[in-house]
Protein backbone atom coordinates (compact mmCIF):
# COMPACT_ATOMS: atom_id res chain seq x y z
CA MET A 1 0.00 0.00 0.00
CA ASP A 2 1.19 3.50 -0.83
CA GLU A 3 2.80 5.10 2.24
CA ASN A 4 1.70 8.58 1.13
CA LEU A 5 -1.92 7.44 1.03
CA ILE A 6 -1.64 5.93 4.49
CA TYR A 7 -0.28 9.16 5.96
CA GLU A 8 -2.87 11.20 4.07
CA ILE A 9 -5.67 9.20 5.70
CA LEU A 10 -4.06 9.29 9.13
CA SER A 11 -3.46 13.04 8.92
CA VAL A 12 -7.19 13.61 8.32
CA VAL A 13 -8.11 11.32 11.23
CA GLU A 14 -5.68 13.26 13.41
CA GLU A 15 -7.66 16.44 12.69
CA ILE A 16 -10.97 15.13 14.07
CA PRO A 17 -11.54 17.20 17.21
CA PRO A 18 -12.35 15.67 20.60
CA GLY A 19 -16.09 15.27 21.05
CA LYS A 20 -16.70 14.71 17.33
CA VAL A 21 -16.75 11.67 15.04
CA ALA A 22 -16.22 11.13 11.32
CA THR A 23 -17.30 8.37 8.99
CA TYR A 24 -15.02 6.28 6.82
CA GLY A 25 -16.73 7.68 3.74
CA GLN A 26 -16.25 11.23 4.98
CA VAL A 27 -12.50 10.71 5.34
CA ALA A 28 -12.35 9.02 1.94
CA LYS A 29 -14.08 12.01 0.37
CA LEU A 30 -11.72 14.45 2.10
CA ILE A 31 -8.71 12.75 0.51
CA GLY A 32 -10.32 12.70 -2.92
CA ARG A 33 -11.21 9.00 -2.94
CA GLU A 34 -14.89 9.08 -2.11
CA LYS A 35 -15.51 5.48 -3.19
CA ASN A 36 -12.78 4.09 -0.93
CA ALA A 37 -14.36 4.06 2.54
CA ARG A 38 -13.23 0.45 3.05
CA LEU A 39 -9.66 1.45 2.28
CA VAL A 40 -9.88 4.03 5.07
CA GLY A 41 -11.03 1.29 7.46
CA LYS A 42 -8.19 -0.97 6.39
CA VAL A 43 -5.61 1.76 6.98
CA LEU A 44 -7.06 2.52 10.41
CA GLY A 45 -6.75 -1.15 11.29
CA MET A 46 -2.99 -0.78 10.75
CA SER A 47 -2.64 2.68 12.29
CA SER A 48 -0.74 1.48 15.37
CA TYR A 49 2.24 0.73 13.11
CA TYR A 50 2.47 4.44 12.27
CA GLY A 51 1.86 6.11 15.63
CA THR A 52 -1.03 7.05 17.85
CA TYR A 53 -4.17 8.36 16.20
CA PRO A 54 -7.72 9.03 17.50
CA CYS A 55 -9.24 6.12 15.58
CA HIS A 56 -11.94 5.83 18.24
CA ARG A 57 -13.55 8.89 16.60
CA MET A 58 -14.33 6.89 13.45
CA VAL A 59 -17.75 5.30 12.85
CA ASN A 60 -19.55 3.84 9.85
CA HIS A 61 -22.10 5.71 7.71
CA ALA A 62 -24.88 4.93 10.21
CA GLY A 63 -22.85 6.03 13.22
CA ARG A 64 -22.19 2.46 14.36
CA LEU A 65 -19.13 1.75 16.46
CA VAL A 66 -16.51 -0.79 15.45
CA PRO A 67 -17.84 -4.29 16.25
CA GLY A 68 -15.82 -5.99 18.97
CA TRP A 69 -13.93 -2.87 20.06
CA THR A 70 -15.45 -2.42 23.51
CA GLU A 71 -13.13 0.43 24.52
CA GLN A 72 -14.39 2.69 21.74
CA ALA A 73 -17.60 3.65 23.55
CA ASP A 74 -15.66 4.48 26.73
CA LEU A 75 -13.14 6.62 24.83
CA LEU A 76 -15.93 8.54 23.14
CA ALA A 77 -17.82 8.97 26.42
CA GLN A 78 -14.70 10.51 27.98
CA GLU A 79 -14.93 13.16 25.26
CA GLY A 80 -18.64 13.77 25.85
CA VAL A 81 -19.95 11.73 22.91
CA LEU A 82 -23.01 9.81 24.07
CA LEU A 83 -24.44 6.81 22.25
CA LYS A 84 -28.07 6.59 21.10
CA ASP A 85 -28.52 2.89 21.77
CA GLY A 86 -25.20 1.54 23.00
CA LEU A 87 -23.95 0.93 19.45
CA HIS A 88 -24.56 4.14 17.48
CA VAL A 89 -23.46 7.76 17.68
CA ASP A 90 -26.00 10.44 16.76
CA LEU A 91 -24.31 11.79 13.63
CA LYS A 92 -26.59 14.84 13.53
CA LYS A 93 -25.22 15.87 16.89
CA TYR A 94 -21.62 14.66 16.89
CA GLN A 95 -20.42 14.42 13.27
CA TRP A 96 -17.37 16.54 12.50
CA GLU A 97 -18.27 19.40 10.18
CA VAL A 98 -15.28 20.11 7.97
């Protein structure tokens, strides 16, 4: 995978402010690859190899948290992001407006 692309994705994720979330598709669009939301997810899955990034602020298009990542809800709650039903963030309230 292209290292420049990886750092481009991670640099956008790094910009998401505390208390806000972004979707994979939103990040893909910001880097000019709006049809590559899955690529964004794949890169985030490897992000620990490149440093520390606020990946907990990433959700899917419906605001759903990452399945199996139990710490994500706690990390978001520490920033004031409350869940609608234990699995979803209210995107109307918490989505990062770029």
